[in-house]
């Protein structure tokens, strides 16, 4: 596996761990790492590996959306989910903060 692909795989694993620990600083840092690696991964990773990365990223996104819903409830904002279990957006209510940390 290309070095960039290995680094991207490590970033996805770190992202999952940060989401489960609610480590927002790490999540922000990892997003920057992934953005920097993405062009290299797109250039060098085979299609099968790219699909695997996309699936892992969707799973991580689901965790981060759940974390966001938990944090919103914790700080007394709307605590209702804004995404389904399949990652589909639920129509937002006026004034909702959907998608913002």
PDB file of N, CA and C in Angstrom:
ATOM      1  N   UNK A   1       0.852  -1.179   0.000  1.00  0.00           N
ATOM      2  CA  UNK A   1       0.000   0.000   0.000  1.00  0.00           C
ATOM      3  C   UNK A   1       0.895   1.239   0.000  1.00  0.00           C
ATOM      4  N   UNK A   2       0.519   2.212  -0.781  1.00  0.00           N
ATOM      5  CA  UNK A   2       1.255   3.470  -0.873  1.00  0.00           C
ATOM      6  C   UNK A   2       1.305   4.144   0.499  1.00  0.00           C
ATOM      7  N   UNK A   3       2.373   4.870   0.764  1.00  0.00           N
ATOM      8  CA  UNK A   3       2.571   5.525   2.060  1.00  0.00           C
ATOM      9  C   UNK A   3       1.415   6.471   2.417  1.00  0.00           C
ATOM     10  N   UNK A   4       0.914   7.221   1.433  1.00  0.00           N
ATOM     11  CA  UNK A   4      -0.205   8.136   1.687  1.00  0.00           C
ATOM     12  C   UNK A   4      -1.457   7.355   2.071  1.00  0.00           C
ATOM     13  N   UNK A   5      -1.686   6.222   1.440  1.00  0.00           N
ATOM     14  CA  UNK A   5      -2.852   5.407   1.766  1.00  0.00           C
ATOM     15  C   UNK A   5      -2.733   4.850   3.182  1.00  0.00           C
ATOM     16  N   UNK A   6      -1.535   4.448   3.561  1.00  0.00           N
ATOM     17  CA  UNK A   6      -1.330   3.962   4.930  1.00  0.00           C
ATOM     18  C   UNK A   6      -1.593   5.078   5.942  1.00  0.00           C
ATOM     19  N   UNK A   7      -1.104   6.275   5.630  1.00  0.00           N
ATOM     20  CA  UNK A   7      -1.321   7.412   6.525  1.00  0.00           C
ATOM     21  C   UNK A   7      -2.809   7.755   6.613  1.00  0.00           C
ATOM     22  N   UNK A   8      -3.510   7.650   5.491  1.00  0.00           N
ATOM     23  CA  UNK A   8      -4.941   7.934   5.483  1.00  0.00           C
ATOM     24  C   UNK A   8      -5.701   6.893   6.313  1.00  0.00           C
ATOM     25  N   UNK A   9      -5.304   5.638   6.195  1.00  0.00           N
ATOM     26  CA  UNK A   9      -5.929   4.574   6.994  1.00  0.00           C
ATOM     27  C   UNK A   9      -5.704   4.835   8.487  1.00  0.00           C
ATOM     28  N   UNK A  10      -4.502   5.261   8.845  1.00  0.00           N
ATOM     29  CA  UNK A  10      -4.233   5.593  10.253  1.00  0.00           C
ATOM     30  C   UNK A  10      -5.079   6.781  10.705  1.00  0.00           C
ATOM     31  N   UNK A  11      -5.248   7.761   9.824  1.00  0.00           N
ATOM     32  CA  UNK A  11      -6.061   8.938  10.163  1.00  0.00           C
ATOM     33  C   UNK A  11      -7.519   8.537  10.390  1.00  0.00           C
ATOM     34  N   UNK A  12      -8.044   7.627   9.563  1.00  0.00           N
ATOM     35  CA  UNK A  12      -9.417   7.167   9.752  1.00  0.00           C
ATOM     36  C   UNK A  12      -9.575   6.444  11.087  1.00  0.00           C
ATOM     37  N   UNK A  13      -8.581   5.652  11.447  1.00  0.00           N
ATOM     38  CA  UNK A  13      -8.625   4.934  12.729  1.00  0.00           C
ATOM     39  C   UNK A  13      -8.543   5.921  13.895  1.00  0.00           C
ATOM     40  N   UNK A  14      -7.670   6.918  13.768  1.00  0.00           N
ATOM     41  CA  UNK A  14      -7.545   7.939  14.813  1.00  0.00           C
ATOM     42  C   UNK A  14      -8.825   8.766  14.921  1.00  0.00           C
ATOM     43  N   UNK A  15      -9.451   9.026  13.786  1.00  0.00           N
ATOM     44  CA  UNK A  15     -10.706   9.774  13.774  1.00  0.00           C
ATOM     45  C   UNK A  15     -11.787   9.012  14.537  1.00  0.00           C
ATOM     46  N   UNK A  16     -11.864   7.723  14.297  1.00  0.00           N
ATOM     47  CA  UNK A  16     -12.857   6.893  14.997  1.00  0.00           C
ATOM     48  C   UNK A  16     -12.604   6.915  16.504  1.00  0.00           C
ATOM     49  N   UNK A  17     -11.352   6.778  16.889  1.00  0.00           N
ATOM     50  CA  UNK A  17     -11.009   6.798  18.314  1.00  0.00           C
ATOM     51  C   UNK A  17     -11.340   8.160  18.931  1.00  0.00           C
ATOM     52  N   UNK A  18     -11.033   9.237  18.223  1.00  0.00           N
ATOM     53  CA  UNK A  18     -11.313  10.583  18.736  1.00  0.00           C
ATOM     54  C   UNK A  18     -12.818  10.810  18.876  1.00  0.00           C
ATOM     55  N   UNK A  19     -13.588  10.305  17.929  1.00  0.00           N
ATOM     56  CA  UNK A  19     -15.044  10.462  17.994  1.00  0.00           C
ATOM     57  C   UNK A  19     -15.618   9.700  19.186  1.00  0.00           C
ATOM     58  N   UNK A  20     -15.092   8.520  19.464  1.00  0.00           N
ATOM     59  CA  UNK A  20     -15.605   7.743  20.595  1.00  0.00           C
ATOM     60  C   UNK A  20     -15.187   8.349  21.937  1.00  0.00           C
ATOM     61  N   UNK A  21     -14.102   9.120  21.937  1.00  0.00           N
ATOM     62  CA  UNK A  21     -13.643   9.789  23.164  1.00  0.00           C
ATOM     63  C   UNK A  21     -14.163  11.219  23.269  1.00  0.00           C
ATOM     64  N   UNK A  22     -14.881  11.683  22.246  1.00  0.00           N
ATOM     65  CA  UNK A  22     -15.379  13.059  22.184  1.00  0.00           C
ATOM     66  C   UNK A  22     -14.225  14.061  22.250  1.00  0.00           C
ATOM     67  N   UNK A  23     -13.129  13.738  21.579  1.00  0.00           N
ATOM     68  CA  UNK A  23     -11.945  14.604  21.550  1.00  0.00           C
ATOM     69  C   UNK A  23     -12.054  15.534  20.339  1.00  0.00           C
ATOM     70  N   UNK A  24     -12.681  16.678  20.556  1.00  0.00           N
ATOM     71  CA  UNK A  24     -12.942  17.603  19.457  1.00  0.00           C
ATOM     72  C   UNK A  24     -11.670  18.193  18.867  1.00  0.00           C
ATOM     73  N   UNK A  25     -10.675  18.464  19.699  1.00  0.00           N
ATOM     74  CA  UNK A  25      -9.412  19.003  19.188  1.00  0.00           C
ATOM     75  C   UNK A  25      -8.750  18.005  18.238  1.00  0.00           C
ATOM     76  N   UNK A  26      -8.741  16.748  18.617  1.00  0.00           N
ATOM     77  CA  UNK A  26      -8.161  15.716  17.754  1.00  0.00           C
ATOM     78  C   UNK A  26      -8.958  15.587  16.461  1.00  0.00           C
ATOM     79  N   UNK A  27     -10.285  15.662  16.550  1.00  0.00           N
ATOM     80  CA  UNK A  27     -11.102  15.558  15.343  1.00  0.00           C
ATOM     81  C   UNK A  27     -10.780  16.680  14.359  1.00  0.00           C
ATOM     82  N   UNK A  28     -10.613  17.876  14.855  1.00  0.00           N
ATOM     83  CA  UNK A  28     -10.260  19.001  13.976  1.00  0.00           C
ATOM     84  C   UNK A  28      -8.886  18.800  13.341  1.00  0.00           C
ATOM     85  N   UNK A  29      -7.925  18.354  14.138  1.00  0.00           N
ATOM     86  CA  UNK A  29      -6.573  18.111  13.624  1.00  0.00           C
ATOM     87  C   UNK A  29      -6.584  17.011  12.555  1.00  0.00           C
ATOM     88  N   UNK A  30      -7.328  15.955  12.807  1.00  0.00           N
ATOM     89  CA  UNK A  30      -7.382  14.828  11.873  1.00  0.00           C
ATOM     90  C   UNK A  30      -8.026  15.244  10.555  1.00  0.00           C
ATOM     91  N   UNK A  31      -9.024  16.140  10.610  1.00  0.00           N
ATOM     92  CA  UNK A  31      -9.656  16.596   9.367  1.00  0.00           C
ATOM     93  C   UNK A  31      -8.622  17.287   8.478  1.00  0.00           C
ATOM     94  N   UNK A  32      -7.760  18.074   9.090  1.00  0.00           N
ATOM     95  CA  UNK A  32      -6.695  18.746   8.321  1.00  0.00           C
ATOM     96  C   UNK A  32      -5.732  17.721   7.723  1.00  0.00           C
ATOM     97  N   UNK A  33      -5.373  16.706   8.501  1.00  0.00           N
ATOM     98  CA  UNK A  33      -4.485  15.650   7.996  1.00  0.00           C
ATOM     99  C   UNK A  33      -5.118  14.949   6.797  1.00  0.00           C
ATOM    100  N   UNK A  34      -6.396  14.616   6.923  1.00  0.00           N
ATOM    101  CA  UNK A  34      -7.084  13.920   5.836  1.00  0.00           C
ATOM    102  C   UNK A  34      -7.163  14.787   4.582  1.00  0.00           C
ATOM    103  N   UNK A  35      -7.438  16.083   4.760  1.00  0.00           N
ATOM    104  CA  UNK A  35      -7.491  16.983   3.598  1.00  0.00           C
ATOM    105  C   UNK A  35      -6.149  17.025   2.877  1.00  0.00           C
ATOM    106  N   UNK A  36      -5.066  17.040   3.624  1.00  0.00           N
ATOM    107  CA  UNK A  36      -3.737  17.085   3.026  1.00  0.00           C
ATOM    108  C   UNK A  36      -3.403  15.786   2.293  1.00  0.00           C
ATOM    109  N   UNK A  37      -3.866  14.665   2.818  1.00  0.00           N
ATOM    110  CA  UNK A  37      -3.562  13.359   2.226  1.00  0.00           C
ATOM    111  C   UNK A  37      -4.457  13.005   1.039  1.00  0.00           C
ATOM    112  N   UNK A  38      -5.635  13.574   0.991  1.00  0.00           N
ATOM    113  CA  UNK A  38      -6.631  13.172  -0.001  1.00  0.00           C
ATOM    114  C   UNK A  38      -6.130  13.204  -1.449  1.00  0.00           C
ATOM    115  N   UNK A  39      -5.460  14.254  -1.916  1.00  0.00           N
ATOM    116  CA  UNK A  39      -5.000  14.239  -3.314  1.00  0.00           C
ATOM    117  C   UNK A  39      -4.049  13.082  -3.613  1.00  0.00           C
ATOM    118  N   UNK A  40      -3.175  12.769  -2.669  1.00  0.00           N
ATOM    119  CA  UNK A  40      -2.234  11.658  -2.872  1.00  0.00           C
ATOM    120  C   UNK A  40      -2.957  10.316  -2.878  1.00  0.00           C
ATOM    121  N   UNK A  41      -3.923  10.172  -2.001  1.00  0.00           N
ATOM    122  CA  UNK A  41      -4.689   8.924  -1.944  1.00  0.00           C
ATOM    123  C   UNK A  41      -5.470   8.743  -3.238  1.00  0.00           C
ATOM    124  N   UNK A  42      -6.108   9.811  -3.703  1.00  0.00           N
ATOM    125  CA  UNK A  42      -6.877   9.732  -4.948  1.00  0.00           C
ATOM    126  C   UNK A  42      -5.981   9.354  -6.127  1.00  0.00           C
ATOM    127  N   UNK A  43      -4.768   9.812  -6.089  1.00  0.00           N
ATOM    128  CA  UNK A  43      -3.835   9.556  -7.190  1.00  0.00           C
ATOM    129  C   UNK A  43      -3.265   8.134  -7.157  1.00  0.00           C
ATOM    130  N   UNK A  44      -3.036   7.590  -5.970  1.00  0.00           N
ATOM    131  CA  UNK A  44      -2.302   6.326  -5.854  1.00  0.00           C
ATOM    132  C   UNK A  44      -3.112   5.120  -5.379  1.00  0.00           C
ATOM    133  N   UNK A  45      -4.246   5.337  -4.740  1.00  0.00           N
ATOM    134  CA  UNK A  45      -4.988   4.205  -4.167  1.00  0.00           C
ATOM    135  C   UNK A  45      -5.830   3.510  -5.231  1.00  0.00           C
ATOM    136  N   UNK A  46      -5.820   2.172  -5.241  1.00  0.00           N
ATOM    137  CA  UNK A  46      -6.699   1.446  -6.157  1.00  0.00           C
ATOM    138  C   UNK A  46      -8.174   1.673  -5.785  1.00  0.00           C
ATOM    139  N   UNK A  47      -9.055   1.462  -6.747  1.00  0.00           N
ATOM    140  CA  UNK A  47     -10.481   1.730  -6.547  1.00  0.00           C
ATOM    141  C   UNK A  47     -11.049   0.956  -5.363  1.00  0.00           C
ATOM    142  N   UNK A  48     -10.651  -0.285  -5.188  1.00  0.00           N
ATOM    143  CA  UNK A  48     -11.168  -1.094  -4.078  1.00  0.00           C
ATOM    144  C   UNK A  48     -10.801  -0.480  -2.727  1.00  0.00           C
ATOM    145  N   UNK A  49      -9.578  -0.006  -2.604  1.00  0.00           N
ATOM    146  CA  UNK A  49      -9.129   0.619  -1.364  1.00  0.00           C
ATOM    147  C   UNK A  49      -9.873   1.936  -1.141  1.00  0.00           C
ATOM    148  N   UNK A  50     -10.083   2.683  -2.204  1.00  0.00           N
ATOM    149  CA  UNK A  50     -10.831   3.943  -2.094  1.00  0.00           C
ATOM    150  C   UNK A  50     -12.249   3.678  -1.591  1.00  0.00           C
ATOM    151  N   UNK A  51     -12.883   2.619  -2.068  1.00  0.00           N
ATOM    152  CA  UNK A  51     -14.227   2.265  -1.588  1.00  0.00           C
ATOM    153  C   UNK A  51     -14.196   1.901  -0.105  1.00  0.00           C
ATOM    154  N   UNK A  52     -13.169   1.164   0.303  1.00  0.00           N
ATOM    155  CA  UNK A  52     -13.032   0.800   1.715  1.00  0.00           C
ATOM    156  C   UNK A  52     -12.869   2.054   2.575  1.00  0.00           C
ATOM    157  N   UNK A  53     -12.034   2.979   2.122  1.00  0.00           N
ATOM    158  CA  UNK A  53     -11.844   4.237   2.853  1.00  0.00           C
ATOM    159  C   UNK A  53     -13.151   5.017   2.937  1.00  0.00           C
ATOM    160  N   UNK A  54     -13.901   5.047   1.852  1.00  0.00           N
ATOM    161  CA  UNK A  54     -15.168   5.783   1.836  1.00  0.00           C
ATOM    162  C   UNK A  54     -16.148   5.178   2.840  1.00  0.00           C
ATOM    163  N   UNK A  55     -16.202   3.864   2.923  1.00  0.00           N
ATOM    164  CA  UNK A  55     -17.095   3.200   3.877  1.00  0.00           C
ATOM    165  C   UNK A  55     -16.673   3.506   5.314  1.00  0.00           C
ATOM    166  N   UNK A  56     -15.393   3.437   5.590  1.00  0.00           N
ATOM    167  CA  UNK A  56     -14.906   3.738   6.942  1.00  0.00           C
ATOM    168  C   UNK A  56     -15.181   5.197   7.300  1.00  0.00           C
ATOM    169  N   UNK A  57     -15.017   6.086   6.320  1.00  0.00           N
ATOM    170  CA  UNK A  57     -15.288   7.506   6.563  1.00  0.00           C
ATOM    171  C   UNK A  57     -16.769   7.736   6.865  1.00  0.00           C
ATOM    172  N   UNK A  58     -17.659   7.029   6.159  1.00  0.00           N
ATOM    173  CA  UNK A  58     -19.101   7.145   6.433  1.00  0.00           C
ATOM    174  C   UNK A  58     -19.424   6.647   7.840  1.00  0.00           C
ATOM    175  N   UNK A  59     -18.788   5.561   8.254  1.00  0.00           N
ATOM    176  CA  UNK A  59     -19.008   5.048   9.609  1.00  0.00           C
ATOM    177  C   UNK A  59     -18.543   6.071  10.649  1.00  0.00           C
ATOM    178  N   UNK A  60     -17.389   6.686  10.392  1.00  0.00           N
ATOM    179  CA  UNK A  60     -16.880   7.708  11.312  1.00  0.00           C
ATOM    180  C   UNK A  60     -17.811   8.912  11.345  1.00  0.00           C
ATOM    181  N   UNK A  61     -18.323   9.292  10.191  1.00  0.00           N
ATOM    182  CA  UNK A  61     -19.240  10.422  10.125  1.00  0.00           C
ATOM    183  C   UNK A  61     -20.489  10.148  10.956  1.00  0.00           C
ATOM    184  N   UNK A  62     -20.960   8.935  10.910  1.00  0.00           N
ATOM    185  CA  UNK A  62     -22.118   8.566  11.714  1.00  0.00           C
ATOM    186  C   UNK A  62     -21.814   8.736  13.207  1.00  0.00           C
ATOM    187  N   UNK A  63     -20.628   8.326  13.622  1.00  0.00           N
ATOM    188  CA  UNK A  63     -20.228   8.514  15.025  1.00  0.00           C
ATOM    189  C   UNK A  63     -20.151   9.994  15.380  1.00  0.00           C
ATOM    190  N   UNK A  64     -19.591  10.796  14.485  1.00  0.00           N
ATOM    191  CA  UNK A  64     -19.457  12.225  14.765  1.00  0.00           C
ATOM    192  C   UNK A  64     -20.819  12.910  14.819  1.00  0.00           C
ATOM    193  N   UNK A  65     -21.746  12.471  13.990  1.00  0.00           N
ATOM    194  CA  UNK A  65     -23.098  13.034  14.044  1.00  0.00           C
ATOM    195  C   UNK A  65     -23.775  12.669  15.359  1.00  0.00           C
ATOM    196  N   UNK A  66     -23.554  11.451  15.820  1.00  0.00           N
ATOM    197  CA  UNK A  66     -24.104  11.042  17.112  1.00  0.00           C
ATOM    198  C   UNK A  66     -23.479  11.878  18.236  1.00  0.00           C
ATOM    199  N   UNK A  67     -22.176  12.085  18.166  1.00  0.00           N
ATOM    200  CA  UNK A  67     -21.491  12.918  19.155  1.00  0.00           C
ATOM    201  C   UNK A  67     -22.088  14.326  19.154  1.00  0.00           C
ATOM    202  N   UNK A  68     -22.315  14.872  17.986  1.00  0.00           N
ATOM    203  CA  UNK A  68     -22.906  16.203  17.886  1.00  0.00           C
ATOM    204  C   UNK A  68     -24.275  16.246  18.553  1.00  0.00           C
ATOM    205  N   UNK A  69     -25.102  15.240  18.316  1.00  0.00           N
ATOM    206  CA  UNK A  69     -26.425  15.192  18.946  1.00  0.00           C
ATOM    207  C   UNK A  69     -26.292  15.128  20.468  1.00  0.00           C
ATOM    208  N   UNK A  70     -25.321  14.358  20.954  1.00  0.00           N
ATOM    209  CA  UNK A  70     -25.099  14.264  22.408  1.00  0.00           C
ATOM    210  C   UNK A  70     -24.653  15.604  22.971  1.00  0.00           C
ATOM    211  N   UNK A  71     -23.737  16.262  22.287  1.00  0.00           N
ATOM    212  CA  UNK A  71     -23.243  17.553  22.763  1.00  0.00           C
ATOM    213  C   UNK A  71     -24.344  18.608  22.748  1.00  0.00           C
ATOM    214  N   UNK A  72     -25.171  18.571  21.745  1.00  0.00           N
ATOM    215  CA  UNK A  72     -26.274  19.524  21.680  1.00  0.00           C
ATOM    216  C   UNK A  72     -27.202  19.342  22.873  1.00  0.00           C
ATOM    217  N   UNK A  73     -27.494  18.107  23.220  1.00  0.00           N
ATOM    218  CA  UNK A  73     -28.329  17.850  24.387  1.00  0.00           C
ATOM    219  C   UNK A  73     -27.655  18.290  25.668  1.00  0.00           C
ATOM    220  N   UNK A  74     -26.350  18.097  25.733  1.00  0.00           N
ATOM    221  CA  UNK A  74     -25.582  18.452  26.920  1.00  0.00           C
ATOM    222  C   UNK A  74     -25.600  19.957  27.167  1.00  0.00           C
ATOM    223  N   UNK A  75     -25.551  20.740  26.089  1.00  0.00           N
ATOM    224  CA  UNK A  75     -25.536  22.196  26.259  1.00  0.00           C
ATOM    225  C   UNK A  75     -26.926  22.799  26.060  1.00  0.00           C
ATOM    226  N   UNK A  76     -27.944  21.959  26.135  1.00  0.00           N
ATOM    227  CA  UNK A  76     -29.350  22.369  26.087  1.00  0.00           C
ATOM    228  C   UNK A  76     -29.782  22.978  24.767  1.00  0.00           C
ATOM    229  N   UNK A  77     -29.172  22.580  23.689  1.00  0.00           N
ATOM    230  CA  UNK A  77     -29.683  22.924  22.371  1.00  0.00           C
ATOM    231  C   UNK A  77     -30.607  21.798  21.962  1.00  0.00           C
ATOM    232  N   UNK A  78     -31.175  21.880  20.795  1.00  0.00           N
ATOM    233  CA  UNK A  78     -32.047  20.796  20.358  1.00  0.00           C
ATOM    234  C   UNK A  78     -31.272  19.480  20.425  1.00  0.00           C
ATOM    235  N   UNK A  79     -31.822  18.507  21.091  1.00  0.00           N
ATOM    236  CA  UNK A  79     -31.134  17.234  21.259  1.00  0.00           C
ATOM    237  C   UNK A  79     -31.670  16.173  20.313  1.00  0.00           C
ATOM    238  N   UNK A  80     -32.643  16.541  19.507  1.00  0.00           N
ATOM    239  CA  UNK A  80     -33.224  15.575  18.600  1.00  0.00           C
ATOM    240  C   UNK A  80     -32.258  15.280  17.461  1.00  0.00           C
ATOM    241  N   UNK A  81     -32.234  14.051  16.996  1.00  0.00           N
ATOM    242  CA  UNK A  81     -31.319  13.709  15.905  1.00  0.00           C
ATOM    243  C   UNK A  81     -31.681  14.468  14.633  1.00  0.00           C
ATOM    244  N   UNK A  82     -30.679  14.815  13.873  1.00  0.00           N
ATOM    245  CA  UNK A  82     -30.898  15.497  12.610  1.00  0.00           C
ATOM    246  C   UNK A  82     -30.545  14.598  11.433  1.00  0.00           C
ATOM    247  N   UNK A  83     -30.100  13.375  11.728  1.00  0.00           N
ATOM    248  CA  UNK A  83     -29.745  12.399  10.712  1.00  0.00           C
ATOM    249  C   UNK A  83     -30.326  11.048  11.101  1.00  0.00           C
ATOM    250  N   UNK A  84     -30.689  10.263  10.122  1.00  0.00           N
ATOM    251  CA  UNK A  84     -31.170   8.907  10.391  1.00  0.00           C
ATOM    252  C   UNK A  84     -29.982   7.994  10.604  1.00  0.00           C
ATOM    253  N   UNK A  85     -30.234   6.757  10.979  1.00  0.00           N
ATOM    254  CA  UNK A  85     -29.161   5.781  11.171  1.00  0.00           C
ATOM    255  C   UNK A  85     -28.416   5.513   9.871  1.00  0.00           C
ATOM    256  N   UNK A  86     -29.062   5.779   8.731  1.00  0.00           N
ATOM    257  CA  UNK A  86     -28.413   5.579   7.429  1.00  0.00           C
ATOM    258  C   UNK A  86     -27.638   6.807   6.978  1.00  0.00           C
ATOM    259  N   UNK A  87     -27.602   7.875   7.809  1.00  0.00           N
ATOM    260  CA  UNK A  87     -26.857   9.069   7.469  1.00  0.00           C
ATOM    261  C   UNK A  87     -27.631  10.057   6.613  1.00  0.00           C
ATOM    262  N   UNK A  88     -28.938   9.839   6.460  1.00  0.00           N
ATOM    263  CA  UNK A  88     -29.748  10.744   5.655  1.00  0.00           C
ATOM    264  C   UNK A  88     -30.227  11.895   6.534  1.00  0.00           C
ATOM    265  N   UNK A  89     -30.217  13.096   5.975  1.00  0.00           N
ATOM    266  CA  UNK A  89     -30.631  14.268   6.730  1.00  0.00           C
ATOM    267  C   UNK A  89     -32.130  14.247   6.987  1.00  0.00           C
ATOM    268  N   UNK A  90     -32.500  14.605   8.201  1.00  0.00           N
ATOM    269  CA  UNK A  90     -33.901  14.795   8.563  1.00  0.00           C
ATOM    270  C   UNK A  90     -34.179  16.281   8.340  1.00  0.00           C
ATOM    271  N   UNK A  91     -35.298  16.630   7.722  1.00  0.00           N
ATOM    272  CA  UNK A  91     -35.573  18.061   7.495  1.00  0.00           C
ATOM    273  C   UNK A  91     -35.412  18.863   8.775  1.00  0.00           C
ATOM    274  N   UNK A  92     -34.694  19.970   8.679  1.00  0.00           N
ATOM    275  CA  UNK A  92     -34.400  20.762   9.873  1.00  0.00           C
ATOM    276  C   UNK A  92     -35.561  21.671  10.231  1.00  0.00           C
ATOM    277  N   UNK A  93     -35.589  22.023  11.479  1.00  0.00           N
ATOM    278  CA  UNK A  93     -36.575  22.953  11.992  1.00  0.00           C
ATOM    279  C   UNK A  93     -36.020  24.362  11.841  1.00  0.00           C
ATOM    280  N   UNK A  94     -36.871  25.364  11.712  1.00  0.00           N
ATOM    281  CA  UNK A  94     -36.367  26.745  11.625  1.00  0.00           C
ATOM    282  C   UNK A  94     -35.501  27.071  12.835  1.00  0.00           C
ATOM    283  N   UNK A  95     -34.366  27.675  12.580  1.00  0.00           N
ATOM    284  CA  UNK A  95     -33.462  28.063  13.654  1.00  0.00           C
ATOM    285  C   UNK A  95     -32.567  26.958  14.153  1.00  0.00           C
ATOM    286  N   UNK A  96     -32.640  25.763  13.552  1.00  0.00           N
ATOM    287  CA  UNK A  96     -31.806  24.646  14.002  1.00  0.00           C
ATOM    288  C   UNK A  96     -30.354  24.892  13.643  1.00  0.00           C
ATOM    289  N   UNK A  97     -29.467  24.292  14.390  1.00  0.00           N
ATOM    290  CA  UNK A  97     -28.033  24.436  14.183  1.00  0.00           C
ATOM    291  C   UNK A  97     -27.447  23.226  13.483  1.00  0.00           C
ATOM    292  N   UNK A  98     -28.207  22.560  12.664  1.00  0.00           N
ATOM    293  CA  UNK A  98     -27.783  21.302  12.040  1.00  0.00           C
ATOM    294  C   UNK A  98     -26.436  21.421  11.359  1.00  0.00           C
ATOM    295  N   UNK A  99     -25.551  20.480  11.672  1.00  0.00           N
ATOM    296  CA  UNK A  99     -24.275  20.385  10.982  1.00  0.00           C
ATOM    297  C   UNK A  99     -23.189  21.292  11.513  1.00  0.00           C
ATOM    298  N   UNK A 100     -23.430  21.984  12.618  1.00  0.00           N
ATOM    299  CA  UNK A 100     -22.409  22.872  13.166  1.00  0.00           C
ATOM    300  C   UNK A 100     -21.991  22.397  14.536  1.00  0.00           C
ATOM    301  N   UNK A 101     -20.690  22.420  14.801  1.00  0.00           N
ATOM    302  CA  UNK A 101     -20.198  22.091  16.138  1.00  0.00           C
ATOM    303  C   UNK A 101     -20.123  23.330  16.967  1.00  0.00           C
TER     304      UNK A 101
END
